[in-house]
Amino acid sequence: MIIRIPGQPGKDLCDSHLGVTRRDVLRVGGSGALGLSLGSLLQLQSAQANTKVPVGRGKAKSIILCYLQGGPSHLDLWDPKEGVPDNVKSSFSKISTKLPGVQFTELLPKLSQVIDKTTLIRSMSYTPNGLFNHTAAIYQMMTGYTTDKVSPSGQLEPPSPKDFPNFGSNIIRLKPANEPMLPFVMLPRPLQESNVVGKGGTAGFLGKAFDPYTLYPPGDDMDKKKMDKINVADLEMRADVYGGRMQRRARLLDTINAGMPEIDRAVKDYKLNEYYDQALTLISSGRARDAFSIEQESRETRDMYGRTTFGQSCLLARRLVEAGTRVVEVVWPKVANSDNHSWDVHTGLSARMRNQSGPMLDTGLSALINDLDDRGLLEETLVVAVGEFGRSPQRGVSTSGNGNSDDGRDHWPYCYTALMAGAGIKRGYVHGQSDKTASAPLVDPVHPGELLATIYESFGIAPETIVYNHLNQPRELVKAESVSKLFA
């Protein structure tokens, strides 16, 4: 048996001087000044948007990324192999899917019946160069770049204003939301590995105006009541501040402006009224709060997604894009190296994937794809499910310095699987093929940077679009080309 290792195929936008986060400015607390701060951020987002972005594919209006942090085992989910040694072969039985000749394992019976609505990429691959461990690989997957400071174990420094932006931050800057709605939401937890929290999950040198709105409720992965207790206090008005009062404050601002010609000209030139109105509408209309009100869904719908954190997060993601959110990132529950529902299966793979992560993924992701399709939202919503790498073909061996039991697989960036659907992506298509042991692509390898380039192009954003970092140096969104075969 041979395990092959393939080769590896903007203007200063920093607003760190603001010193506030999106959560800070959304916390109205009865202050009209805070509403103006939010308006300033909305203005900043629009002013920094590149209005001359070359048109690409352009069908996507929103994206839901189901980020399967920890590295799902492709051999034990959607790329099982036969005729291989026992320490390579999955312990799970193979099942047929709706696509002739394409088989999954028994862990994905529901996804096997919706795979005809998706594209399956069985040839994700990159050479690690220090990216064998989670944090550095996550940063690459989310930004398209490798960090300058990577320890031998792959751990990184904490998030920095100098970081490259998360792809979602780039999207909302270049394609500002049309609705008075939160443009970018990350839930139910931050990107995290060991003590490094949030690396690759911020707007970095674009500035805090493009950070995601974060939603991290407490509770365990299987807490059925957890998603009913979402804290949206940042979007609420105090009991003594009513919409009418805020509208009166808005009219008072207009009156003051009318009496001060210089300020009035500034307002006209910079469209401050427009952005103040957007901020006011976001807070007072209740649109965002309503989107988070997941209890409005029927019991049948909630059961369809699964009463787990992942399932209910997928349902919430659908509600958010339906309300106008541009980017939603559902980060797989729990830290990557936990033993609770994690994909980081160095030990106990069979029981953990059968009883925990497998059913959660199968139920939640299949429901999301079906629900979006049934509602007509899949035409303009891109769905992506991917981790930072796969798992080693051979069980019980060490590829990253971690210890692995006979029923565990180590990290494997050389070959793994991703799923895409919607927004002009082909339906019922399998891209690429892995070799006999799923250790390397046989044809059509796809680098994480190429996946990001494909995501950008689905929004009509050219991957080579230039942004300027904290040193005013030009940088491409990603140094890769999109995968044209993935588009219909």
Protein backbone atom coordinates (compact mmCIF):
# COMPACT_ATOMS: atom_id res chain seq x y z
CA MET A 1 0.00 0.00 0.00
CA ILE A 2 1.29 3.46 -0.92
CA ILE A 3 0.17 6.62 0.85
CA ARG A 4 0.99 9.46 -1.56
CA ILE A 5 1.62 13.08 -0.62
CA PRO A 6 0.83 15.48 -3.49
CA GLY A 7 2.31 18.92 -4.07
CA GLN A 8 0.59 22.12 -3.34
CA PRO A 9 -1.04 23.05 -6.52
CA GLY A 10 -6.37 47.73 0.36
CA LYS A 11 -5.75 52.40 0.64
CA ASP A 12 -5.47 52.19 4.42
CA LEU A 13 -8.69 50.62 5.63
CA CYS A 14 -7.75 50.23 9.26
CA ASP A 15 -10.24 51.85 11.63
CA SER A 16 -8.75 50.54 14.83
CA HIS A 17 -8.71 54.10 16.12
CA LEU A 18 -12.46 53.80 16.58
CA GLY A 19 -11.82 51.62 19.61
CA VAL A 20 -15.29 50.07 19.51
CA THR A 21 -16.71 46.79 18.37
CA ARG A 22 -19.89 46.09 16.44
CA ARG A 23 -21.42 44.82 19.69
CA ASP A 24 -20.50 48.13 21.36
CA VAL A 25 -22.20 50.29 18.76
CA LEU A 26 -25.28 48.08 18.54
CA ARG A 27 -25.82 48.37 22.29
CA VAL A 28 -28.26 51.25 22.04
CA GLY A 29 -28.91 51.75 25.71
CA GLY A 30 -31.06 54.80 25.07
CA SER A 31 -28.25 56.89 23.58
CA GLY A 32 -28.77 58.64 20.27
CA ALA A 33 -24.99 59.07 20.06
CA LEU A 34 -24.56 55.32 19.78
CA GLY A 35 -27.03 55.25 16.92
CA LEU A 36 -24.87 57.84 15.19
CA SER A 37 -21.79 55.69 15.81
CA LEU A 38 -23.47 52.79 14.09
CA GLY A 39 -24.42 55.11 11.25
CA SER A 40 -20.78 56.09 10.92
CA LEU A 41 -19.81 52.45 10.61
CA LEU A 42 -22.46 51.87 7.96
CA GLN A 43 -21.12 54.86 6.08
CA LEU A 44 -17.60 53.50 6.40
CA GLN A 45 -18.66 50.15 4.97
CA SER A 46 -20.21 51.76 1.91
CA ALA A 47 -17.42 54.27 1.34
CA GLN A 48 -14.79 51.53 1.39
CA ALA A 49 -16.70 49.24 -0.97
CA ASN A 50 -14.99 48.86 -4.33
CA THR A 51 -17.59 49.94 -6.87
CA LYS A 52 -15.46 48.81 -9.81
CA VAL A 53 -15.20 45.13 -8.94
CA PRO A 54 -15.00 43.03 -12.12
CA VAL A 55 -18.12 40.94 -12.57
CA GLY A 56 -17.59 37.21 -12.06
CA ARG A 57 -20.27 34.57 -11.82
CA GLY A 58 -22.34 36.80 -9.61
CA LYS A 59 -25.34 34.65 -8.66
CA ALA A 60 -24.71 34.52 -4.91
CA LYS A 61 -26.37 37.09 -2.69
CA SER A 62 -25.50 35.31 0.55
CA ILE A 63 -23.38 32.45 1.85
CA ILE A 64 -23.76 29.97 4.69
CA LEU A 65 -20.46 28.35 5.61
CA CYS A 66 -20.83 25.24 7.76
CA TYR A 67 -17.30 25.16 9.08
CA LEU A 68 -16.53 21.64 10.29
CA GLN A 69 -13.64 22.59 12.51
CA GLY A 70 -11.43 19.78 13.69
CA GLY A 71 -11.01 17.97 10.38
CA PRO A 72 -13.76 15.47 9.48
CA SER A 73 -12.60 12.03 8.36
CA HIS A 74 -13.44 11.90 4.66
CA LEU A 75 -12.95 8.11 4.60
CA ASP A 76 -15.60 7.69 7.30
CA LEU A 77 -18.15 10.09 5.77
CA TRP A 78 -18.23 10.74 2.03
CA ASP A 79 -15.22 9.00 0.48
CA PRO A 80 -15.12 5.41 1.79
CA LYS A 81 -12.80 2.88 0.15
CA GLU A 82 -12.95 -0.86 -0.54
CA GLY A 83 -10.11 -3.32 -1.09
CA VAL A 84 -7.75 -1.53 1.30
CA PRO A 85 -5.99 -2.77 4.47
CA ASP A 86 -8.05 -2.98 7.64
CA ASN A 87 -6.28 0.02 9.20
CA VAL A 88 -7.38 2.17 6.25
CA LYS A 89 -10.90 0.91 5.65
CA SER A 90 -13.74 2.64 7.46
CA SER A 91 -15.45 0.73 10.23
CA PHE A 92 -18.78 2.00 8.86
CA SER A 93 -20.73 0.31 6.08
CA LYS A 94 -21.11 1.95 2.69
CA ILE A 95 -24.48 3.11 1.35
CA SER A 96 -25.63 4.26 -2.07
CA THR A 97 -26.55 7.88 -2.80
CA LYS A 98 -28.80 9.52 -5.36
CA LEU A 99 -25.80 9.82 -7.66
CA PRO A 100 -24.98 6.57 -9.51
CA GLY A 101 -21.65 5.14 -8.42
CA VAL A 102 -21.23 7.60 -5.53
CA GLN A 103 -21.26 6.07 -2.07
CA PHE A 104 -21.19 7.48 1.45
CA THR A 105 -20.93 5.68 4.76
CA GLU A 106 -23.96 4.72 6.78
CA LEU A 107 -23.47 7.86 8.90
CA LEU A 108 -25.00 10.04 6.16
CA PRO A 109 -28.32 8.50 5.08
CA LYS A 110 -30.11 11.89 4.79
CA LEU A 111 -27.29 13.63 2.96
CA SER A 112 -27.11 10.69 0.55
CA GLN A 113 -30.60 11.66 -0.59
CA VAL A 114 -29.86 15.36 -1.20
CA ILE A 115 -26.41 15.00 -2.75
CA ASP A 116 -28.00 15.45 -6.18
CA LYS A 117 -28.56 19.10 -5.23
CA THR A 118 -24.89 19.70 -4.47
CA THR A 119 -21.34 19.50 -5.74
CA LEU A 120 -18.97 17.20 -3.85
CA ILE A 121 -15.26 18.04 -4.03
CA ARG A 122 -13.27 14.90 -3.25
CA SER A 123 -9.89 16.43 -4.04
CA MET A 124 -9.28 19.20 -1.51
CA SER A 125 -5.53 19.24 -0.93
CA TYR A 126 -2.52 21.26 0.18
CA THR A 127 1.02 20.69 1.37
CA PRO A 128 1.12 21.68 5.04
CA ASN A 129 4.35 23.71 5.45
CA GLY A 130 3.62 24.09 9.16
CA LEU A 131 -0.16 23.82 8.73
CA PHE A 132 -0.55 20.33 10.15
CA ASN A 133 -2.31 21.68 13.23
CA HIS A 134 -5.61 23.43 13.45
CA THR A 135 -5.00 27.12 14.04
CA ALA A 136 -2.69 27.80 11.11
CA ALA A 137 -4.84 25.67 8.80
CA ILE A 138 -7.97 27.53 9.91
CA TYR A 139 -6.29 30.87 9.17
CA GLN A 140 -5.44 29.66 5.66
CA MET A 141 -8.94 28.36 5.02
CA MET A 142 -10.62 31.54 6.25
CA THR A 143 -8.30 34.17 4.78
CA GLY A 144 -6.53 32.49 1.87
CA TYR A 145 -3.15 33.35 3.38
CA THR A 146 -0.65 31.66 5.67
CA THR A 147 0.45 33.62 8.69
CA ASP A 148 4.02 34.82 9.07
CA LYS A 149 4.38 33.36 12.55
CA VAL A 150 3.70 29.63 12.69
CA SER A 151 5.25 27.47 15.38
CA PRO A 152 6.29 23.89 14.51
CA SER A 153 3.05 22.70 16.10
CA GLY A 154 0.99 25.05 13.96
CA GLN A 155 -0.10 27.31 16.81
CA LEU A 156 -0.36 31.05 16.18
CA GLU A 157 -0.32 34.34 18.01
CA PRO A 158 -3.74 35.76 18.99
CA PRO A 159 -5.82 37.76 16.49
CA SER A 160 -4.21 41.03 15.43
CA PRO A 161 -5.35 44.15 13.56
CA LYS A 162 -2.57 43.23 11.11
CA ASP A 163 -4.22 39.92 10.17
CA PHE A 164 -5.63 39.22 6.74
CA PRO A 165 -9.43 39.53 6.77
CA ASN A 166 -11.84 36.65 7.02
CA PHE A 167 -13.39 36.12 3.58
CA GLY A 168 -16.78 37.18 4.98
CA SER A 169 -15.37 40.58 5.89
CA ASN A 170 -14.09 41.04 2.35
CA ILE A 171 -17.50 40.10 0.93
CA ILE A 172 -19.50 42.54 3.04
CA ARG A 173 -17.06 45.34 2.25
CA LEU A 174 -17.24 44.77 -1.49
CA LYS A 175 -20.92 43.79 -1.54
CA PRO A 176 -22.66 45.83 1.19
CA ALA A 177 -26.00 44.45 2.30
CA ASN A 178 -29.09 45.98 0.69
CA GLU A 179 -31.26 45.47 3.76
CA PRO A 180 -31.02 47.13 7.18
CA MET A 181 -29.70 43.84 8.53
CA LEU A 182 -26.54 42.55 10.20
CA PRO A 183 -24.26 41.85 7.24
CA PHE A 184 -22.03 39.15 8.80
CA VAL A 185 -22.90 36.78 11.65
CA MET A 186 -20.74 34.07 13.23
CA LEU A 187 -22.26 31.46 15.56
CA PRO A 188 -22.51 29.53 17.85
CA ARG A 189 -18.87 29.92 18.94
CA PRO A 190 -15.65 31.56 17.78
CA LEU A 191 -12.93 29.86 15.81
CA GLN A 192 -10.74 28.40 18.52
CA GLU A 193 -7.86 26.02 19.04
CA SER A 194 -6.28 25.58 22.47
CA ASN A 195 -5.75 29.12 23.82
CA VAL A 196 -5.93 30.87 20.46
CA VAL A 197 -9.44 32.27 20.03
CA GLY A 198 -10.72 34.04 16.93
CA LYS A 199 -7.67 33.71 14.69
CA GLY A 200 -8.84 34.05 11.09
CA GLY A 201 -12.30 35.09 12.24
CA THR A 202 -11.95 38.88 12.22
CA ALA A 203 -11.76 41.66 9.65
CA GLY A 204 -8.08 42.15 10.51
CA PHE A 205 -6.58 45.11 8.67
CA LEU A 206 -9.95 46.08 7.16
CA GLY A 207 -10.95 47.38 10.57
CA LYS A 208 -13.61 46.56 13.13
CA ALA A 209 -16.43 47.91 10.97
CA PHE A 210 -16.26 44.65 9.01
CA ASP A 211 -15.97 42.24 11.94
CA PRO A 212 -18.72 39.64 12.24
CA TYR A 213 -21.52 40.05 14.72
CA THR A 214 -20.84 37.20 17.12
CA LEU A 215 -23.48 35.09 18.80
CA TYR A 216 -22.12 32.68 21.38
CA PRO A 217 -24.89 31.34 23.65
CA PRO A 218 -23.97 29.14 26.61
CA GLY A 219 -24.71 25.44 26.95
CA ASP A 220 -23.67 22.05 25.64
CA ASP A 221 -23.86 20.81 22.05
CA MET A 222 -26.94 18.73 22.76
CA ASP A 223 -28.79 21.27 24.91
CA LYS A 224 -32.22 21.40 23.28
CA LYS A 225 -33.04 24.73 24.93
CA LYS A 226 -29.75 26.43 24.14
CA MET A 227 -30.76 28.09 20.89
CA ASP A 228 -33.97 29.35 22.51
CA LYS A 229 -31.86 31.49 24.83
CA ILE A 230 -29.96 33.55 22.28
CA ASN A 231 -28.87 36.87 23.76
CA VAL A 232 -29.69 39.65 21.34
CA ALA A 233 -29.47 42.44 23.89
CA ASP A 234 -27.18 44.31 21.51
CA LEU A 235 -30.17 44.79 19.21
CA GLU A 236 -32.68 45.72 21.86
CA MET A 237 -33.81 49.10 23.11
CA ARG A 238 -34.22 49.76 26.80
CA ALA A 239 -37.78 49.71 28.00
CA ASP A 240 -37.80 53.49 28.32
CA VAL A 241 -36.60 54.08 24.76
CA TYR A 242 -39.32 53.59 22.16
CA GLY A 243 -39.20 53.77 18.40
CA GLY A 244 -41.16 57.02 18.48
CA ARG A 245 -38.64 58.64 20.77
CA MET A 246 -35.78 57.58 18.50
CA GLN A 247 -37.63 58.98 15.51
CA ARG A 248 -38.10 62.28 17.34
CA ARG A 249 -34.35 62.35 18.02
CA ALA A 250 -33.77 61.81 14.33
CA ARG A 251 -36.03 64.77 13.49
CA LEU A 252 -34.20 66.87 16.10
CA LEU A 253 -30.93 66.08 14.32
CA ASP A 254 -32.49 67.24 11.05
CA THR A 255 -33.63 70.47 12.70
CA ILE A 256 -30.15 71.18 14.06
CA ASN A 257 -28.61 70.46 10.67
CA ALA A 258 -31.06 72.78 8.96
CA GLY A 259 -29.96 75.61 11.24
CA MET A 260 -26.26 75.03 10.65
CA PRO A 261 -25.45 75.40 6.94
CA GLU A 262 -21.90 74.08 7.19
CA ILE A 263 -22.94 70.92 8.98
CA ASP A 264 -25.87 70.59 6.59
CA ARG A 265 -23.51 70.67 3.61
CA ALA A 266 -21.32 68.04 5.27
CA VAL A 267 -24.33 65.86 5.86
CA LYS A 268 -25.34 66.22 2.23
CA ASP A 269 -21.83 65.57 0.89
CA TYR A 270 -21.19 62.51 3.01
CA LYS A 271 -24.74 61.16 3.09
CA LEU A 272 -24.68 61.00 6.88
CA ASN A 273 -28.45 61.13 7.03
CA GLU A 274 -28.67 58.02 4.87
CA TYR A 275 -26.42 56.04 7.20
CA TYR A 276 -28.02 57.40 10.32
CA ASP A 277 -31.36 56.28 8.95
CA GLN A 278 -29.96 52.81 8.24
CA ALA A 279 -28.68 52.51 11.80
CA LEU A 280 -31.96 53.75 13.20
CA THR A 281 -33.93 51.32 11.05
CA LEU A 282 -31.76 48.38 12.02
CA ILE A 283 -32.31 49.04 15.71
CA SER A 284 -35.92 50.20 15.75
CA SER A 285 -37.51 48.05 13.06
CA GLY A 286 -36.86 44.77 14.83
CA ARG A 287 -35.81 43.04 11.61
CA ALA A 288 -32.64 41.59 13.12
CA ARG A 289 -34.35 40.66 16.37
CA ASP A 290 -37.09 38.88 14.45
CA ALA A 291 -34.53 36.89 12.47
CA PHE A 292 -33.04 35.60 15.71
CA SER A 293 -36.46 34.57 17.03
CA ILE A 294 -36.01 30.93 16.15
CA GLU A 295 -38.95 29.98 18.37
CA GLN A 296 -41.22 31.32 15.61
CA GLU A 297 -40.43 28.19 13.58
CA SER A 298 -42.78 25.24 13.76
CA ARG A 299 -41.93 22.23 15.87
CA GLU A 300 -41.72 20.13 12.70
CA THR A 301 -39.18 22.46 11.12
CA ARG A 302 -37.03 22.57 14.21
CA ASP A 303 -37.14 18.80 14.52
CA MET A 304 -36.17 18.48 10.86
CA TYR A 305 -32.92 20.36 11.52
CA GLY A 306 -32.23 18.35 14.69
CA ARG A 307 -32.47 19.63 18.24
CA THR A 308 -28.72 20.12 18.51
CA THR A 309 -26.60 23.23 18.52
CA PHE A 310 -25.42 22.56 14.98
CA GLY A 311 -28.90 21.81 13.67
CA GLN A 312 -30.51 24.85 15.24
CA SER A 313 -27.59 27.03 14.13
CA CYS A 314 -28.22 25.89 10.54
CA LEU A 315 -31.88 26.81 10.93
CA LEU A 316 -30.92 30.20 12.34
CA ALA A 317 -28.55 30.68 9.41
CA ARG A 318 -31.45 30.16 7.02
CA ARG A 319 -33.54 32.72 8.90
CA LEU A 320 -30.69 35.24 8.78
CA VAL A 321 -30.07 35.01 5.02
CA GLU A 322 -33.83 35.13 4.49
CA ALA A 323 -33.84 38.44 6.39
CA GLY A 324 -30.95 39.86 4.37
CA THR A 325 -27.71 38.83 6.12
CA ARG A 326 -24.94 38.46 3.56
CA VAL A 327 -22.56 36.05 5.36
CA VAL A 328 -23.28 33.47 8.05
CA GLU A 329 -20.57 31.22 9.41
CA VAL A 330 -21.76 28.27 11.48
CA VAL A 331 -18.68 27.07 13.34
CA TRP A 332 -18.89 23.43 14.41
CA PRO A 333 -19.67 23.30 18.14
CA LYS A 334 -16.96 22.84 20.75
CA VAL A 335 -13.24 23.44 20.42
CA ALA A 336 -11.42 21.46 17.79
CA ASN A 337 -9.52 19.21 20.17
CA SER A 338 -12.35 18.42 22.60
CA ASP A 339 -13.71 14.91 22.94
CA ASN A 340 -17.33 16.09 22.82
CA HIS A 341 -18.89 15.95 19.33
CA SER A 342 -15.57 17.04 17.80
CA TRP A 343 -14.16 15.95 14.44
CA ASP A 344 -10.68 15.77 15.98
CA VAL A 345 -10.89 12.00 16.40
CA HIS A 346 -7.45 10.86 17.52
CA THR A 347 -9.17 8.24 19.66
CA GLY A 348 -12.61 6.64 19.86
CA LEU A 349 -13.51 7.47 16.26
CA SER A 350 -16.13 4.76 15.79
CA ALA A 351 -18.32 5.62 18.77
CA ARG A 352 -17.90 9.36 18.57
CA MET A 353 -18.74 9.65 14.88
CA ARG A 354 -21.61 7.15 15.06
CA ASN A 355 -23.28 8.60 18.15
CA GLN A 356 -22.35 12.26 18.05
CA SER A 357 -20.88 14.16 15.10
CA GLY A 358 -22.19 11.93 12.28
CA PRO A 359 -25.92 12.26 13.07
CA MET A 360 -25.58 15.97 13.89
CA LEU A 361 -24.00 16.71 10.51
CA ASP A 362 -26.32 14.45 8.53
CA THR A 363 -29.51 15.91 9.99
CA GLY A 364 -28.55 19.58 10.11
CA LEU A 365 -26.83 19.95 6.73
CA SER A 366 -29.38 17.90 4.78
CA ALA A 367 -32.23 19.92 6.30
CA LEU A 368 -30.50 23.20 5.42
CA ILE A 369 -30.02 22.21 1.78
CA ASN A 370 -33.58 20.91 1.42
CA ASP A 371 -35.16 23.86 3.21
CA LEU A 372 -33.26 26.46 1.16
CA ASP A 373 -34.15 24.63 -2.03
CA ASP A 374 -37.84 24.31 -1.13
CA ARG A 375 -38.04 28.03 -0.36
CA GLY A 376 -36.27 29.06 -3.56
CA LEU A 377 -33.37 30.49 -1.56
CA LEU A 378 -30.76 28.07 -2.85
CA GLU A 379 -30.70 29.88 -6.18
CA GLU A 380 -29.00 32.86 -4.53
CA THR A 381 -27.51 31.30 -1.38
CA LEU A 382 -24.17 29.55 -1.53
CA VAL A 383 -23.75 26.70 0.96
CA VAL A 384 -20.27 25.40 1.76
CA ALA A 385 -19.35 22.64 4.22
CA VAL A 386 -15.64 22.06 4.79
CA GLY A 387 -13.01 21.60 7.51
CA GLU A 388 -9.40 22.71 7.67
CA PHE A 389 -8.17 19.25 6.64
CA GLY A 390 -9.17 15.58 6.61
CA ARG A 391 -7.94 12.59 8.61
CA SER A 392 -5.08 10.23 7.94
CA PRO A 393 -5.79 7.18 5.74
CA GLN A 394 -4.07 4.86 8.23
CA ARG A 395 -5.51 4.61 11.72
CA GLY A 396 -3.19 4.55 14.69
CA VAL A 397 -0.30 6.44 13.07
CA SER A 398 1.02 9.91 13.90
CA THR A 399 1.25 12.53 11.17
CA SER A 400 1.23 15.68 13.32
CA GLY A 401 2.97 14.61 16.52
CA ASN A 402 -0.29 13.67 18.22
CA GLY A 403 -0.90 10.28 19.75
CA ASN A 404 -3.54 8.17 18.02
CA SER A 405 -5.24 4.96 19.10
CA ASP A 406 -5.98 2.08 16.76
CA ASP A 407 -9.47 3.58 16.49
CA GLY A 408 -8.32 7.10 15.65
CA ARG A 409 -6.99 9.07 12.70
CA ASP A 410 -4.52 11.96 12.72
CA HIS A 411 -4.54 15.23 10.72
CA TRP A 412 -4.28 14.93 6.92
CA PRO A 413 -4.20 18.04 4.68
CA TYR A 414 -3.13 16.15 1.54
CA CYS A 415 -6.63 14.97 0.61
CA TYR A 416 -10.12 15.61 1.98
CA THR A 417 -13.67 16.45 0.95
CA ALA A 418 -15.80 19.60 0.75
CA LEU A 419 -19.43 20.17 -0.24
CA MET A 420 -20.89 23.15 -2.12
CA ALA A 421 -24.42 23.93 -3.23
CA GLY A 422 -26.51 26.75 -4.67
CA ALA A 423 -25.84 30.11 -6.33
CA GLY A 424 -24.76 28.76 -9.71
CA ILE A 425 -22.80 25.74 -8.44
CA LYS A 426 -23.50 22.53 -10.36
CA ARG A 427 -26.08 20.11 -9.00
CA GLY A 428 -25.32 16.41 -8.82
CA TYR A 429 -21.63 16.82 -9.63
CA VAL A 430 -18.55 15.19 -8.10
CA HIS A 431 -15.36 17.13 -8.68
CA GLY A 432 -12.02 15.38 -8.49
CA GLN A 433 -11.19 11.91 -7.30
CA SER A 434 -8.97 10.57 -4.56
CA ASP A 435 -6.60 7.65 -4.98
CA LYS A 436 -7.19 4.13 -3.71
CA THR A 437 -6.51 5.04 -0.08
CA ALA A 438 -7.92 8.61 -0.17
CA SER A 439 -4.42 9.83 0.59
CA ALA A 440 -4.06 12.16 -2.43
CA PRO A 441 -6.10 13.47 -5.36
CA LEU A 442 -5.85 11.51 -8.59
CA VAL A 443 -7.29 14.36 -10.66
CA ASP A 444 -8.36 18.00 -10.24
CA PRO A 445 -6.86 18.91 -6.84
CA VAL A 446 -8.46 21.97 -5.22
CA HIS A 447 -6.43 24.13 -2.85
CA PRO A 448 -8.26 26.02 -0.05
CA GLY A 449 -7.27 29.27 -1.80
CA GLU A 450 -9.01 28.09 -4.96
CA LEU A 451 -12.11 27.30 -2.94
CA LEU A 452 -12.10 30.86 -1.59
CA ALA A 453 -11.56 32.25 -5.08
CA THR A 454 -14.62 30.27 -6.23
CA ILE A 455 -16.64 31.72 -3.35
CA TYR A 456 -15.60 35.27 -4.27
CA GLU A 457 -16.42 34.74 -7.92
CA SER A 458 -19.85 33.37 -7.05
CA PHE A 459 -20.54 36.85 -5.62
CA GLY A 460 -19.24 38.55 -8.74
CA ILE A 461 -16.02 39.51 -6.98
CA ALA A 462 -12.78 38.96 -8.85
CA PRO A 463 -10.35 36.98 -6.65
CA GLU A 464 -7.51 39.27 -7.74
CA THR A 465 -9.31 42.37 -6.43
CA ILE A 466 -6.81 44.50 -4.52
CA VAL A 467 -7.19 45.50 -0.88
CA TYR A 468 -4.69 47.52 1.13
CA ASN A 469 -3.30 46.27 4.41
CA HIS A 470 -2.36 48.17 7.56
CA LEU A 471 0.88 49.30 5.91
CA ASN A 472 -0.99 50.55 2.83
CA GLN A 473 0.45 47.68 0.79
CA PRO A 474 -1.67 46.20 -2.01
CA ARG A 475 -2.77 42.60 -1.56
CA GLU A 476 -5.05 40.36 -3.64
CA LEU A 477 -8.14 38.99 -1.93
CA VAL A 478 -6.59 35.58 -2.58
CA LYS A 479 -3.67 34.42 -4.71
CA ALA A 480 -5.62 31.76 -6.56
CA GLU A 481 -8.04 31.26 -9.40
CA SER A 482 -11.59 29.98 -9.10
CA VAL A 483 -12.44 26.44 -10.15
CA SER A 484 -14.53 26.98 -13.27
CA LYS A 485 -15.71 23.36 -13.45
CA LEU A 486 -17.72 23.88 -10.26
CA PHE A 487 -20.08 26.37 -11.90
CA ALA A 488 -23.09 25.25 -13.89
